Amino acid sequence: MDWLKPIVKDNSIKEFRPEKEEIYRIEKIECNNSTPFQFDTSLLSQWIVVPFVLNNSSERSFELIISSSEDYKYFKQHVSIHFNQITIIYKNNVVDSIRYSDMKSASIKHYNRLIFEEQKLHPMIKDFYQTSHKVKTEEHFKMAPFKFNIKIFEIDPTVIEQYMSKIEIEDHSLWNYLYNNYLLENGEINLTPINWKLETGVKYSATLHYFLRFSRRIHLYVNMDNSEIRGLVIL
């Protein structure tokens, strides 16, 4: 594949620096039982709610790092109203993250109509959660759970660009959130595609095309035993 370049990860031992002791506190928020009337379809909101619309199992949860009051206000106004269970995690008495689970049935119904039936699902979200270049379910469960032969590849953006749409993306909400809360804080954005398999079709991925508009360095972590993509890292 001419659009991938194998790289060697630096495994040298870095200087150990003891972390400052942090104090964490968890608070469960009582949800408002009223039926939501706001249904935000921004890319960021879709990124959060679509997994629940597809499968709102009792085990599913979605945790988001929060580093600014603006982010917290956004989630509280546009996302929290759609969930029955909301957990706020504080670090040193400051909101550090928010965790959602158990999406309201009325919200699932409305988002299903709004996003899927009215076809407002963003191509990038559809690609990430409903992509066709996936490992078959039965193949996924046959894998040895703790045996991975991982190889890292860097994407060559100059090759992928020829497959990308020339239309400018107007919705930067997801990138802005990931950039401010993960890339600036940790130096990278780590995503875990579910059941993605490395094959030629991945170069047409709307997910890769979206992130390549903002970052020229993207790594794929691939299990070479079955070609499953275990990680998508944006630098």
C-alpha atoms as a PDB file:
ATOM      1  CA  MET A   1       0.000   0.000   0.000  1.00  0.00           C
ATOM      2  CA  ASP A   2       1.728   3.138  -1.258  1.00  0.00           C
ATOM      3  CA  TRP A   3      -0.144   5.376   1.204  1.00  0.00           C
ATOM      4  CA  LEU A   4       1.362   3.751   4.298  1.00  0.00           C
ATOM      5  CA  LYS A   5       4.896   3.912   5.650  1.00  0.00           C
ATOM      6  CA  PRO A   6       5.984   1.555   8.469  1.00  0.00           C
ATOM      7  CA  ILE A   7       7.612   3.322  11.400  1.00  0.00           C
ATOM      8  CA  VAL A   8       9.476   2.187  14.502  1.00  0.00           C
ATOM      9  CA  LYS A   9       8.173   3.456  17.825  1.00  0.00           C
ATOM     10  CA  ASP A  10      10.748   4.860  20.230  1.00  0.00           C
ATOM     11  CA  ASN A  11      10.682   2.501  23.223  1.00  0.00           C
ATOM     12  CA  SER A  12      13.609   4.069  25.027  1.00  0.00           C
ATOM     13  CA  ILE A  13      13.141   4.584  28.758  1.00  0.00           C
ATOM     14  CA  LYS A  14      12.261   8.176  29.503  1.00  0.00           C
ATOM     15  CA  GLU A  15      13.185  10.039  32.638  1.00  0.00           C
ATOM     16  CA  PHE A  16      10.858   9.137  35.487  1.00  0.00           C
ATOM     17  CA  ARG A  17       9.023  12.063  36.982  1.00  0.00           C
ATOM     18  CA  PRO A  18       6.725  11.312  39.908  1.00  0.00           C
ATOM     19  CA  GLU A  19       3.236  12.633  39.311  1.00  0.00           C
ATOM     20  CA  LYS A  20       1.690  15.084  41.695  1.00  0.00           C
ATOM     21  CA  GLU A  21      -0.919  13.487  43.911  1.00  0.00           C
ATOM     22  CA  GLU A  22      -4.398  14.274  42.646  1.00  0.00           C
ATOM     23  CA  ILE A  23      -7.658  14.120  44.585  1.00  0.00           C
ATOM     24  CA  TYR A  24     -10.622  12.738  42.637  1.00  0.00           C
ATOM     25  CA  ARG A  25     -14.291  12.940  43.470  1.00  0.00           C
ATOM     26  CA  ILE A  26     -17.299  11.480  41.660  1.00  0.00           C
ATOM     27  CA  GLU A  27     -20.734  13.046  41.566  1.00  0.00           C
ATOM     28  CA  LYS A  28     -23.840  11.506  39.993  1.00  0.00           C
ATOM     29  CA  ILE A  29     -26.206  14.068  38.554  1.00  0.00           C
ATOM     30  CA  GLU A  30     -29.966  13.610  38.726  1.00  0.00           C
ATOM     31  CA  CYS A  31     -31.341  13.852  35.235  1.00  0.00           C
ATOM     32  CA  ASN A  32     -34.254  15.990  34.178  1.00  0.00           C
ATOM     33  CA  ASN A  33     -37.109  13.611  33.356  1.00  0.00           C
ATOM     34  CA  SER A  34     -38.750  16.006  30.920  1.00  0.00           C
ATOM     35  CA  THR A  35     -38.701  15.105  27.231  1.00  0.00           C
ATOM     36  CA  PRO A  36     -35.809  16.866  25.457  1.00  0.00           C
ATOM     37  CA  PHE A  37     -36.757  19.456  22.872  1.00  0.00           C
ATOM     38  CA  GLN A  38     -33.278  20.335  21.575  1.00  0.00           C
ATOM     39  CA  PHE A  39     -31.558  17.989  19.141  1.00  0.00           C
ATOM     40  CA  ASP A  40     -28.161  19.298  18.155  1.00  0.00           C
ATOM     41  CA  THR A  41     -26.768  17.590  15.033  1.00  0.00           C
ATOM     42  CA  SER A  42     -23.260  19.059  15.102  1.00  0.00           C
ATOM     43  CA  LEU A  43     -20.393  16.690  14.378  1.00  0.00           C
ATOM     44  CA  LEU A  44     -19.397  16.674  18.054  1.00  0.00           C
ATOM     45  CA  SER A  45     -22.900  15.803  19.227  1.00  0.00           C
ATOM     46  CA  GLN A  46     -23.215  13.054  16.621  1.00  0.00           C
ATOM     47  CA  TRP A  47     -19.866  11.638  17.745  1.00  0.00           C
ATOM     48  CA  ILE A  48     -21.336  11.181  21.230  1.00  0.00           C
ATOM     49  CA  VAL A  49     -24.954  10.142  20.622  1.00  0.00           C
ATOM     50  CA  VAL A  50     -24.718   7.868  17.560  1.00  0.00           C
ATOM     51  CA  PRO A  51     -23.191   4.893  19.472  1.00  0.00           C
ATOM     52  CA  PHE A  52     -26.191   4.996  21.826  1.00  0.00           C
ATOM     53  CA  VAL A  53     -28.677   5.295  18.980  1.00  0.00           C
ATOM     54  CA  LEU A  54     -27.103   2.229  17.363  1.00  0.00           C
ATOM     55  CA  ASN A  55     -26.960   0.233  20.599  1.00  0.00           C
ATOM     56  CA  ASN A  56     -28.094   1.668  23.920  1.00  0.00           C
ATOM     57  CA  SER A  57     -27.009  -1.292  26.051  1.00  0.00           C
ATOM     58  CA  SER A  58     -26.762  -0.926  29.818  1.00  0.00           C
ATOM     59  CA  GLU A  59     -22.990  -1.435  29.556  1.00  0.00           C
ATOM     60  CA  ARG A  60     -22.385   1.417  27.118  1.00  0.00           C
ATOM     61  CA  SER A  61     -20.915   4.669  28.395  1.00  0.00           C
ATOM     62  CA  PHE A  62     -19.107   7.627  26.878  1.00  0.00           C
ATOM     63  CA  GLU A  63     -16.606   9.676  28.866  1.00  0.00           C
ATOM     64  CA  LEU A  64     -15.366  13.088  27.758  1.00  0.00           C
ATOM     65  CA  ILE A  65     -12.444  15.086  29.125  1.00  0.00           C
ATOM     66  CA  ILE A  66     -13.333  18.676  29.982  1.00  0.00           C
ATOM     67  CA  SER A  67     -10.669  21.356  30.183  1.00  0.00           C
ATOM     68  CA  SER A  68     -12.756  24.512  29.819  1.00  0.00           C
ATOM     69  CA  SER A  69     -16.004  25.950  31.111  1.00  0.00           C
ATOM     70  CA  GLU A  70     -17.126  26.421  27.495  1.00  0.00           C
ATOM     71  CA  ASP A  71     -16.950  22.679  26.859  1.00  0.00           C
ATOM     72  CA  TYR A  72     -18.834  21.927  30.063  1.00  0.00           C
ATOM     73  CA  LYS A  73     -21.528  24.443  29.141  1.00  0.00           C
ATOM     74  CA  TYR A  74     -21.839  22.934  25.659  1.00  0.00           C
ATOM     75  CA  PHE A  75     -22.258  19.368  26.964  1.00  0.00           C
ATOM     76  CA  LYS A  76     -24.680  20.462  29.652  1.00  0.00           C
ATOM     77  CA  GLN A  77     -26.838  22.340  27.156  1.00  0.00           C
ATOM     78  CA  HIS A  78     -26.727  20.002  24.141  1.00  0.00           C
ATOM     79  CA  VAL A  79     -25.848  16.516  25.402  1.00  0.00           C
ATOM     80  CA  SER A  80     -26.713  16.008  29.074  1.00  0.00           C
ATOM     81  CA  ILE A  81     -30.437  16.568  28.465  1.00  0.00           C
ATOM     82  CA  HIS A  82     -30.538  13.297  26.491  1.00  0.00           C
ATOM     83  CA  PHE A  83     -29.213  10.951  29.188  1.00  0.00           C
ATOM     84  CA  ASN A  84     -30.643   9.320  32.289  1.00  0.00           C
ATOM     85  CA  GLN A  85     -27.276   8.682  33.918  1.00  0.00           C
ATOM     86  CA  ILE A  86     -24.639  11.407  34.129  1.00  0.00           C
ATOM     87  CA  THR A  87     -21.470  11.218  36.193  1.00  0.00           C
ATOM     88  CA  ILE A  88     -19.154  14.166  36.816  1.00  0.00           C
ATOM     89  CA  ILE A  89     -15.536  13.383  37.756  1.00  0.00           C
ATOM     90  CA  TYR A  90     -13.711  16.111  39.662  1.00  0.00           C
ATOM     91  CA  LYS A  91      -9.934  16.417  40.013  1.00  0.00           C
ATOM     92  CA  ASN A  92      -8.819  18.688  42.835  1.00  0.00           C
ATOM     93  CA  ASN A  93     -12.386  20.055  43.011  1.00  0.00           C
ATOM     94  CA  VAL A  94     -12.376  21.030  39.320  1.00  0.00           C
ATOM     95  CA  VAL A  95     -14.499  19.249  36.708  1.00  0.00           C
ATOM     96  CA  ASP A  96     -12.168  16.862  34.877  1.00  0.00           C
ATOM     97  CA  SER A  97     -14.554  14.752  32.807  1.00  0.00           C
ATOM     98  CA  ILE A  98     -18.183  13.816  32.273  1.00  0.00           C
ATOM     99  CA  ARG A  99     -19.532  10.319  31.651  1.00  0.00           C
ATOM    100  CA  TYR A 100     -22.816   9.521  29.928  1.00  0.00           C
ATOM    101  CA  SER A 101     -24.815   6.291  29.955  1.00  0.00           C
ATOM    102  CA  ASP A 102     -28.416   5.154  29.426  1.00  0.00           C
ATOM    103  CA  MET A 103     -29.688   7.505  26.737  1.00  0.00           C
ATOM    104  CA  LYS A 104     -33.351   8.522  27.023  1.00  0.00           C
ATOM    105  CA  SER A 105     -35.652   6.497  24.782  1.00  0.00           C
ATOM    106  CA  ALA A 106     -37.330   9.664  23.480  1.00  0.00           C
ATOM    107  CA  SER A 107     -33.928  11.043  22.442  1.00  0.00           C
ATOM    108  CA  ILE A 108     -32.976   7.795  20.708  1.00  0.00           C
ATOM    109  CA  LYS A 109     -36.243   7.878  18.785  1.00  0.00           C
ATOM    110  CA  HIS A 110     -35.832  11.514  17.711  1.00  0.00           C
ATOM    111  CA  TYR A 111     -32.149  11.201  16.819  1.00  0.00           C
ATOM    112  CA  ASN A 112     -32.855   8.034  14.857  1.00  0.00           C
ATOM    113  CA  ARG A 113     -35.383   9.944  12.779  1.00  0.00           C
ATOM    114  CA  LEU A 114     -33.299  13.090  12.533  1.00  0.00           C
ATOM    115  CA  ILE A 115     -29.935  11.512  11.721  1.00  0.00           C
ATOM    116  CA  PHE A 116     -30.818   8.331   9.897  1.00  0.00           C
ATOM    117  CA  GLU A 117     -34.278   8.738   8.369  1.00  0.00           C
ATOM    118  CA  GLU A 118     -33.681  12.363   7.369  1.00  0.00           C
ATOM    119  CA  GLN A 119     -30.104  11.454   6.363  1.00  0.00           C
ATOM    120  CA  LYS A 120     -28.322  14.077   8.443  1.00  0.00           C
ATOM    121  CA  LEU A 121     -25.666  11.624   9.575  1.00  0.00           C
ATOM    122  CA  HIS A 122     -22.235  13.105   8.835  1.00  0.00           C
ATOM    123  CA  PRO A 123     -20.159  10.909   6.448  1.00  0.00           C
ATOM    124  CA  MET A 124     -17.278  10.865   8.926  1.00  0.00           C
ATOM    125  CA  ILE A 125     -19.513   9.575  11.747  1.00  0.00           C
ATOM    126  CA  LYS A 126     -21.076   6.990   9.458  1.00  0.00           C
ATOM    127  CA  ASP A 127     -17.617   5.826   8.420  1.00  0.00           C
ATOM    128  CA  PHE A 128     -16.289   5.553  11.972  1.00  0.00           C
ATOM    129  CA  TYR A 129     -19.272   3.739  13.478  1.00  0.00           C
ATOM    130  CA  GLN A 130     -20.865   1.999  10.478  1.00  0.00           C
ATOM    131  CA  THR A 131     -17.937   1.588   8.135  1.00  0.00           C
ATOM    132  CA  SER A 132     -17.959  -1.233   5.594  1.00  0.00           C
ATOM    133  CA  HIS A 133     -14.229  -2.025   5.853  1.00  0.00           C
ATOM    134  CA  LYS A 134     -14.682  -4.071   9.020  1.00  0.00           C
ATOM    135  CA  VAL A 135     -13.622  -7.386  10.411  1.00  0.00           C
ATOM    136  CA  LYS A 136     -16.514  -9.841  10.385  1.00  0.00           C
ATOM    137  CA  THR A 137     -18.043 -10.238  13.841  1.00  0.00           C
ATOM    138  CA  GLU A 138     -17.297 -13.952  14.044  1.00  0.00           C
ATOM    139  CA  GLU A 139     -13.680 -13.312  12.989  1.00  0.00           C
ATOM    140  CA  HIS A 140     -13.330 -10.669  15.683  1.00  0.00           C
ATOM    141  CA  PHE A 141     -14.419 -13.031  18.465  1.00  0.00           C
ATOM    142  CA  LYS A 142     -12.109 -15.793  17.264  1.00  0.00           C
ATOM    143  CA  MET A 143      -9.075 -13.635  17.984  1.00  0.00           C
ATOM    144  CA  ALA A 144      -6.793 -14.464  20.890  1.00  0.00           C
ATOM    145  CA  PRO A 145      -7.779 -11.596  23.235  1.00  0.00           C
ATOM    146  CA  PHE A 146      -4.329 -10.758  24.549  1.00  0.00           C
ATOM    147  CA  LYS A 147      -2.097 -11.701  21.630  1.00  0.00           C
ATOM    148  CA  PHE A 148      -1.224  -8.791  19.378  1.00  0.00           C
ATOM    149  CA  ASN A 149       1.495  -8.458  16.767  1.00  0.00           C
ATOM    150  CA  ILE A 150       1.295  -4.686  16.445  1.00  0.00           C
ATOM    151  CA  LYS A 151       2.942  -2.734  13.661  1.00  0.00           C
ATOM    152  CA  ILE A 152       2.697   1.043  13.291  1.00  0.00           C
ATOM    153  CA  PHE A 153       2.151   2.781   9.972  1.00  0.00           C
ATOM    154  CA  GLU A 154       2.201   6.486   9.162  1.00  0.00           C
ATOM    155  CA  ILE A 155      -0.250   7.687   6.544  1.00  0.00           C
ATOM    156  CA  ASP A 156       1.172   9.569   3.571  1.00  0.00           C
ATOM    157  CA  PRO A 157      -1.220  12.523   3.163  1.00  0.00           C
ATOM    158  CA  THR A 158       0.111  13.367  -0.311  1.00  0.00           C
ATOM    159  CA  VAL A 159      -1.282  10.066  -1.596  1.00  0.00           C
ATOM    160  CA  ILE A 160      -4.612  10.240   0.275  1.00  0.00           C
ATOM    161  CA  GLU A 161      -5.305  13.817  -0.880  1.00  0.00           C
ATOM    162  CA  GLN A 162      -6.251  12.658  -4.369  1.00  0.00           C
ATOM    163  CA  TYR A 163      -9.206  10.742  -2.898  1.00  0.00           C
ATOM    164  CA  MET A 164     -10.413  13.585  -0.675  1.00  0.00           C
ATOM    165  CA  SER A 165     -13.351  15.841  -1.485  1.00  0.00           C
ATOM    166  CA  LYS A 166     -12.499  19.416  -2.440  1.00  0.00           C
ATOM    167  CA  ILE A 167     -15.530  20.701  -0.553  1.00  0.00           C
ATOM    168  CA  GLU A 168     -14.544  22.659   2.548  1.00  0.00           C
ATOM    169  CA  ILE A 169     -15.750  21.205   5.868  1.00  0.00           C
ATOM    170  CA  GLU A 170     -17.757  23.805   7.774  1.00  0.00           C
ATOM    171  CA  ASP A 171     -18.296  21.886  11.008  1.00  0.00           C
ATOM    172  CA  HIS A 172     -15.076  21.927  13.057  1.00  0.00           C
ATOM    173  CA  SER A 173     -16.772  21.172  16.387  1.00  0.00           C
ATOM    174  CA  LEU A 174     -15.349  17.667  16.809  1.00  0.00           C
ATOM    175  CA  TRP A 175     -11.827  18.646  15.823  1.00  0.00           C
ATOM    176  CA  ASN A 176     -11.872  21.729  18.051  1.00  0.00           C
ATOM    177  CA  TYR A 177     -12.909  19.624  21.030  1.00  0.00           C
ATOM    178  CA  LEU A 178     -10.330  16.855  20.419  1.00  0.00           C
ATOM    179  CA  TYR A 179      -7.577  19.365  19.687  1.00  0.00           C
ATOM    180  CA  ASN A 180      -8.143  21.472  22.802  1.00  0.00           C
ATOM    181  CA  ASN A 181      -8.720  18.591  25.221  1.00  0.00           C
ATOM    182  CA  TYR A 182      -6.410  15.867  23.928  1.00  0.00           C
ATOM    183  CA  LEU A 183      -3.836  17.087  21.425  1.00  0.00           C
ATOM    184  CA  LEU A 184      -2.858  20.209  23.381  1.00  0.00           C
ATOM    185  CA  GLU A 185      -2.978  18.381  26.713  1.00  0.00           C
ATOM    186  CA  ASN A 186      -1.315  15.068  25.779  1.00  0.00           C
ATOM    187  CA  GLY A 187       0.415  15.692  22.437  1.00  0.00           C
ATOM    188  CA  GLU A 188      -1.810  13.214  20.594  1.00  0.00           C
ATOM    189  CA  ILE A 189      -5.382  12.086  20.010  1.00  0.00           C
ATOM    190  CA  ASN A 190      -5.965   8.353  20.524  1.00  0.00           C
ATOM    191  CA  LEU A 191      -9.036   6.822  18.905  1.00  0.00           C
ATOM    192  CA  THR A 192     -10.075   3.172  18.841  1.00  0.00           C
ATOM    193  CA  PRO A 193     -11.939   2.150  15.690  1.00  0.00           C
ATOM    194  CA  ILE A 194     -14.158  -0.851  16.369  1.00  0.00           C
ATOM    195  CA  ASN A 195     -13.503  -3.804  14.053  1.00  0.00           C
ATOM    196  CA  TRP A 196     -11.690  -1.811  11.375  1.00  0.00           C
ATOM    197  CA  LYS A 197      -9.579  -3.958   9.072  1.00  0.00           C
ATOM    198  CA  LEU A 198      -6.606  -2.718   7.048  1.00  0.00           C
ATOM    199  CA  GLU A 199      -7.416  -3.038   3.367  1.00  0.00           C
ATOM    200  CA  THR A 200      -7.353  -0.859   0.269  1.00  0.00           C
ATOM    201  CA  GLY A 201     -10.741   0.693   1.048  1.00  0.00           C
ATOM    202  CA  VAL A 202      -9.411   2.413   4.166  1.00  0.00           C
ATOM    203  CA  LYS A 203      -7.726   5.075   2.043  1.00  0.00           C
ATOM    204  CA  TYR A 204     -11.222   6.266   1.081  1.00  0.00           C
ATOM    205  CA  SER A 205     -12.208   6.546   4.750  1.00  0.00           C
ATOM    206  CA  ALA A 206     -14.157   9.722   5.538  1.00  0.00           C
ATOM    207  CA  THR A 207     -12.663   9.562   9.043  1.00  0.00           C
ATOM    208  CA  LEU A 208      -9.099   9.764   7.717  1.00  0.00           C
ATOM    209  CA  HIS A 209     -10.070  12.456   5.224  1.00  0.00           C
ATOM    210  CA  TYR A 210     -11.635  14.549   7.994  1.00  0.00           C
ATOM    211  CA  PHE A 211      -8.628  14.431  10.316  1.00  0.00           C
ATOM    212  CA  LEU A 212      -6.077  14.900   7.519  1.00  0.00           C
ATOM    213  CA  ARG A 213      -7.608  18.318   6.904  1.00  0.00           C
ATOM    214  CA  PHE A 214      -6.333  19.360  10.334  1.00  0.00           C
ATOM    215  CA  SER A 215      -3.275  17.191  10.934  1.00  0.00           C
ATOM    216  CA  ARG A 216      -0.656  15.872   8.524  1.00  0.00           C
ATOM    217  CA  ARG A 217       0.504  13.120  10.886  1.00  0.00           C
ATOM    218  CA  ILE A 218      -1.739  10.124  11.513  1.00  0.00           C
ATOM    219  CA  HIS A 219      -0.577   6.691  12.666  1.00  0.00           C
ATOM    220  CA  LEU A 220      -2.436   3.396  12.353  1.00  0.00           C
ATOM    221  CA  TYR A 221      -1.711   0.638  14.863  1.00  0.00           C
ATOM    222  CA  VAL A 222      -2.343  -2.676  13.079  1.00  0.00           C
ATOM    223  CA  ASN A 223      -2.441  -6.218  14.426  1.00  0.00           C
ATOM    224  CA  MET A 224      -0.503  -7.994  11.682  1.00  0.00           C
ATOM    225  CA  ASP A 225      -1.936 -11.403  12.625  1.00  0.00           C
ATOM    226  CA  ASN A 226      -5.372 -10.452  11.298  1.00  0.00           C
ATOM    227  CA  SER A 227      -4.933  -6.940   9.803  1.00  0.00           C
ATOM    228  CA  GLU A 228      -7.254  -5.402  12.393  1.00  0.00           C
ATOM    229  CA  ILE A 229      -6.660  -1.699  13.049  1.00  0.00           C
ATOM    230  CA  ARG A 230      -6.354  -1.389  16.815  1.00  0.00           C
ATOM    231  CA  GLY A 231      -5.627   2.313  17.048  1.00  0.00           C
ATOM    232  CA  LEU A 232      -5.843   5.591  15.155  1.00  0.00           C
ATOM    233  CA  VAL A 233      -3.427   8.183  16.580  1.00  0.00           C
ATOM    234  CA  ILE A 234      -3.430  11.812  15.448  1.00  0.00           C
ATOM    235  CA  LEU A 235      -0.304  13.834  16.193  1.00  0.00           C
END
